[in-house]
Amino acid sequence: MTSAHDNNAEIDPMTEVWNRSIEPGVIIVVADLSNGLGDALAASVSVPVISCSPRQDAAEQATNSSALTPGGAPTLVVAHPDKAAQAALRALNTPRLRERLRHEIAAAKAKPRAAGPELKAL
């Protein structure tokens, strides 16, 4: 946990770890309002960076801050932390995760079909 505004010196060692990793990775930045950390990391790492706000009452402002990044800082922006985690799993795209996601997607698609006859009876 760090802040680009308060602890900028901590970012370089973190980016070195990510850039030297042989494992696939995604960084999720949960930052409030002014998201300097997401931008700083996205400009410095070779893995995807997903930014989102922890506060739903300020999500629009935080989303705008994260979306308006400088050149060379490709931050992905998601409105809710749980959706950021879901997007990260998809971005990793490993065979084990693909299989798990395939089952989750099939189950989600089956729910409306299963509820269909009940709704038609109403």
C-alpha atoms as a PDB file:
ATOM      1  CA  MET A   1       0.000   0.000   0.000  1.00  0.00           C
ATOM      2  CA  THR A   2       1.417   3.364  -0.989  1.00  0.00           C
ATOM      3  CA  SER A   3       0.546   6.801  -2.276  1.00  0.00           C
ATOM      4  CA  ALA A   4       1.981   8.432  -5.369  1.00  0.00           C
ATOM      5  CA  HIS A   5       1.538  11.811  -3.722  1.00  0.00           C
ATOM      6  CA  ASP A   6       3.100  10.985  -0.347  1.00  0.00           C
ATOM      7  CA  ASN A   7       5.499   8.099  -1.037  1.00  0.00           C
ATOM      8  CA  ASN A   8       6.617   8.435  -4.636  1.00  0.00           C
ATOM      9  CA  ALA A   9      10.029   6.893  -3.810  1.00  0.00           C
ATOM     10  CA  GLU A  10       8.297   3.589  -2.970  1.00  0.00           C
ATOM     11  CA  ILE A  11       6.942   3.190  -6.493  1.00  0.00           C
ATOM     12  CA  ASP A  12      10.254   2.418  -8.244  1.00  0.00           C
ATOM     13  CA  PRO A  13      11.086  -0.693  -6.187  1.00  0.00           C
ATOM     14  CA  MET A  14       7.516  -1.923  -6.670  1.00  0.00           C
ATOM     15  CA  THR A  15       7.704  -1.498 -10.429  1.00  0.00           C
ATOM     16  CA  GLU A  16      11.009  -3.384 -10.559  1.00  0.00           C
ATOM     17  CA  VAL A  17       9.369  -6.385  -8.894  1.00  0.00           C
ATOM     18  CA  TRP A  18       6.490  -6.356 -11.372  1.00  0.00           C
ATOM     19  CA  ASN A  19       8.679  -5.783 -14.425  1.00  0.00           C
ATOM     20  CA  ARG A  20      11.029  -8.657 -13.520  1.00  0.00           C
ATOM     21  CA  SER A  21       8.291 -11.152 -12.686  1.00  0.00           C
ATOM     22  CA  ILE A  22       7.983 -14.190 -14.950  1.00  0.00           C
ATOM     23  CA  GLU A  23       4.409 -14.765 -13.791  1.00  0.00           C
ATOM     24  CA  PRO A  24       1.463 -13.008 -15.444  1.00  0.00           C
ATOM     25  CA  GLY A  25       0.048 -10.194 -13.364  1.00  0.00           C
ATOM     26  CA  VAL A  26      -2.432  -7.365 -13.099  1.00  0.00           C
ATOM     27  CA  ILE A  27      -2.277  -4.466 -10.667  1.00  0.00           C
ATOM     28  CA  ILE A  28      -5.518  -3.184  -9.172  1.00  0.00           C
ATOM     29  CA  VAL A  29      -5.252   0.352  -7.808  1.00  0.00           C
ATOM     30  CA  VAL A  30      -8.020   1.344  -5.431  1.00  0.00           C
ATOM     31  CA  ALA A  31      -7.543   5.090  -5.125  1.00  0.00           C
ATOM     32  CA  ASP A  32      -9.795   7.846  -3.935  1.00  0.00           C
ATOM     33  CA  LEU A  33     -10.532  10.967  -6.002  1.00  0.00           C
ATOM     34  CA  SER A  34      -7.147  11.967  -7.465  1.00  0.00           C
ATOM     35  CA  ASN A  35      -5.583   8.750  -8.729  1.00  0.00           C
ATOM     36  CA  GLY A  36      -1.905   9.592  -9.189  1.00  0.00           C
ATOM     37  CA  LEU A  37      -0.832   6.089  -8.183  1.00  0.00           C
ATOM     38  CA  GLY A  38      -2.645   4.355 -11.041  1.00  0.00           C
ATOM     39  CA  ASP A  39      -1.084   6.723 -13.558  1.00  0.00           C
ATOM     40  CA  ALA A  40       2.406   6.396 -12.067  1.00  0.00           C
ATOM     41  CA  LEU A  41       2.241   2.608 -12.054  1.00  0.00           C
ATOM     42  CA  ALA A  42       0.709   2.332 -15.530  1.00  0.00           C
ATOM     43  CA  ALA A  43       3.518   4.473 -16.932  1.00  0.00           C
ATOM     44  CA  SER A  44       6.151   2.285 -15.264  1.00  0.00           C
ATOM     45  CA  VAL A  45       5.047  -1.361 -15.443  1.00  0.00           C
ATOM     46  CA  SER A  46       4.593  -3.891 -18.212  1.00  0.00           C
ATOM     47  CA  VAL A  47       1.413  -5.439 -16.773  1.00  0.00           C
ATOM     48  CA  PRO A  48      -2.125  -4.061 -16.981  1.00  0.00           C
ATOM     49  CA  VAL A  49      -3.187  -1.553 -14.321  1.00  0.00           C
ATOM     50  CA  ILE A  50      -6.870  -1.373 -13.372  1.00  0.00           C
ATOM     51  CA  SER A  51      -8.012   1.639 -11.355  1.00  0.00           C
ATOM     52  CA  CYS A  52     -11.199   1.971  -9.332  1.00  0.00           C
ATOM     53  CA  SER A  53     -12.583   4.006  -6.454  1.00  0.00           C
ATOM     54  CA  PRO A  54     -13.323   2.546  -3.027  1.00  0.00           C
ATOM     55  CA  ARG A  55     -16.167   5.041  -2.501  1.00  0.00           C
ATOM     56  CA  GLN A  56     -19.301   4.730  -4.556  1.00  0.00           C
ATOM     57  CA  ASP A  57     -20.343   8.286  -3.653  1.00  0.00           C
ATOM     58  CA  ALA A  58     -17.182   9.585  -5.366  1.00  0.00           C
ATOM     59  CA  ALA A  59     -16.844   6.943  -8.091  1.00  0.00           C
ATOM     60  CA  GLU A  60     -17.637   9.346 -10.939  1.00  0.00           C
ATOM     61  CA  GLN A  61     -14.974  11.860  -9.912  1.00  0.00           C
ATOM     62  CA  ALA A  62     -12.412   9.108  -9.283  1.00  0.00           C
ATOM     63  CA  THR A  63     -13.251   7.477 -12.617  1.00  0.00           C
ATOM     64  CA  ASN A  64     -12.717  10.741 -14.457  1.00  0.00           C
ATOM     65  CA  SER A  65      -9.383  11.253 -12.686  1.00  0.00           C
ATOM     66  CA  SER A  66      -8.252   7.751 -13.640  1.00  0.00           C
ATOM     67  CA  ALA A  67      -9.493   7.965 -17.228  1.00  0.00           C
ATOM     68  CA  LEU A  68      -7.707  11.220 -17.991  1.00  0.00           C
ATOM     69  CA  THR A  69      -4.191   9.844 -17.852  1.00  0.00           C
ATOM     70  CA  PRO A  70      -1.091  11.307 -19.473  1.00  0.00           C
ATOM     71  CA  GLY A  71       0.411   9.707 -22.576  1.00  0.00           C
ATOM     72  CA  GLY A  72       2.210   6.447 -21.901  1.00  0.00           C
ATOM     73  CA  ALA A  73       0.064   5.637 -18.867  1.00  0.00           C
ATOM     74  CA  PRO A  74      -2.602   3.203 -20.137  1.00  0.00           C
ATOM     75  CA  THR A  75      -4.787   2.749 -17.059  1.00  0.00           C
ATOM     76  CA  LEU A  76      -7.969   0.707 -17.349  1.00  0.00           C
ATOM     77  CA  VAL A  77     -10.852   2.162 -15.329  1.00  0.00           C
ATOM     78  CA  VAL A  78     -13.596   0.183 -13.605  1.00  0.00           C
ATOM     79  CA  ALA A  79     -16.278   1.700 -11.378  1.00  0.00           C
ATOM     80  CA  HIS A  80     -16.442  -1.011  -8.692  1.00  0.00           C
ATOM     81  CA  PRO A  81     -13.619  -2.946  -6.954  1.00  0.00           C
ATOM     82  CA  ASP A  82     -15.373  -6.316  -7.445  1.00  0.00           C
ATOM     83  CA  LYS A  83     -15.570  -5.668 -11.185  1.00  0.00           C
ATOM     84  CA  ALA A  84     -11.862  -4.759 -11.151  1.00  0.00           C
ATOM     85  CA  ALA A  85     -11.084  -8.174  -9.670  1.00  0.00           C
ATOM     86  CA  GLN A  86     -13.232  -9.895 -12.291  1.00  0.00           C
ATOM     87  CA  ALA A  87     -11.508  -7.952 -15.077  1.00  0.00           C
ATOM     88  CA  ALA A  88      -8.083  -8.843 -13.656  1.00  0.00           C
ATOM     89  CA  LEU A  89      -8.916 -12.558 -13.723  1.00  0.00           C
ATOM     90  CA  ARG A  90      -9.924 -12.270 -17.361  1.00  0.00           C
ATOM     91  CA  ALA A  91      -6.801 -10.271 -18.236  1.00  0.00           C
ATOM     92  CA  LEU A  92      -4.549 -12.955 -16.752  1.00  0.00           C
ATOM     93  CA  ASN A  93      -6.066 -15.464 -19.196  1.00  0.00           C
ATOM     94  CA  THR A  94      -4.358 -18.548 -17.775  1.00  0.00           C
ATOM     95  CA  PRO A  95      -5.780 -21.983 -18.694  1.00  0.00           C
ATOM     96  CA  ARG A  96      -6.974 -22.670 -15.120  1.00  0.00           C
ATOM     97  CA  LEU A  97      -8.731 -19.302 -14.895  1.00  0.00           C
ATOM     98  CA  ARG A  98     -10.250 -19.674 -18.371  1.00  0.00           C
ATOM     99  CA  GLU A  99     -11.820 -22.983 -17.326  1.00  0.00           C
ATOM    100  CA  ARG A 100     -13.191 -21.469 -14.105  1.00  0.00           C
ATOM    101  CA  LEU A 101     -14.564 -18.455 -15.951  1.00  0.00           C
ATOM    102  CA  ARG A 102     -16.146 -20.675 -18.603  1.00  0.00           C
ATOM    103  CA  HIS A 103     -18.169 -22.414 -15.862  1.00  0.00           C
ATOM    104  CA  GLU A 104     -19.107 -19.101 -14.185  1.00  0.00           C
ATOM    105  CA  ILE A 105     -20.257 -17.617 -17.494  1.00  0.00           C
ATOM    106  CA  ALA A 106     -22.346 -20.698 -18.308  1.00  0.00           C
ATOM    107  CA  ALA A 107     -23.966 -20.579 -14.845  1.00  0.00           C
ATOM    108  CA  ALA A 108     -24.745 -16.864 -15.220  1.00  0.00           C
ATOM    109  CA  LYS A 109     -26.337 -17.460 -18.629  1.00  0.00           C
ATOM    110  CA  ALA A 110     -28.420 -20.333 -17.250  1.00  0.00           C
ATOM    111  CA  LYS A 111     -30.028 -18.239 -14.486  1.00  0.00           C
ATOM    112  CA  PRO A 112     -32.336 -16.176 -16.735  1.00  0.00           C
ATOM    113  CA  ARG A 113     -33.297 -19.308 -18.711  1.00  0.00           C
ATOM    114  CA  ALA A 114     -34.203 -21.164 -15.512  1.00  0.00           C
ATOM    115  CA  ALA A 115     -36.295 -18.245 -14.271  1.00  0.00           C
ATOM    116  CA  GLY A 116     -38.062 -17.840 -17.624  1.00  0.00           C
ATOM    117  CA  PRO A 117     -40.910 -20.346 -17.092  1.00  0.00           C
ATOM    118  CA  GLU A 118     -41.642 -18.934 -13.624  1.00  0.00           C
ATOM    119  CA  LEU A 119     -41.856 -15.397 -14.950  1.00  0.00           C
ATOM    120  CA  LYS A 120     -44.086 -16.411 -17.840  1.00  0.00           C
ATOM    121  CA  ALA A 121     -46.529 -18.013 -15.384  1.00  0.00           C
ATOM    122  CA  LEU A 122     -46.986 -14.669 -13.631  1.00  0.00           C
END
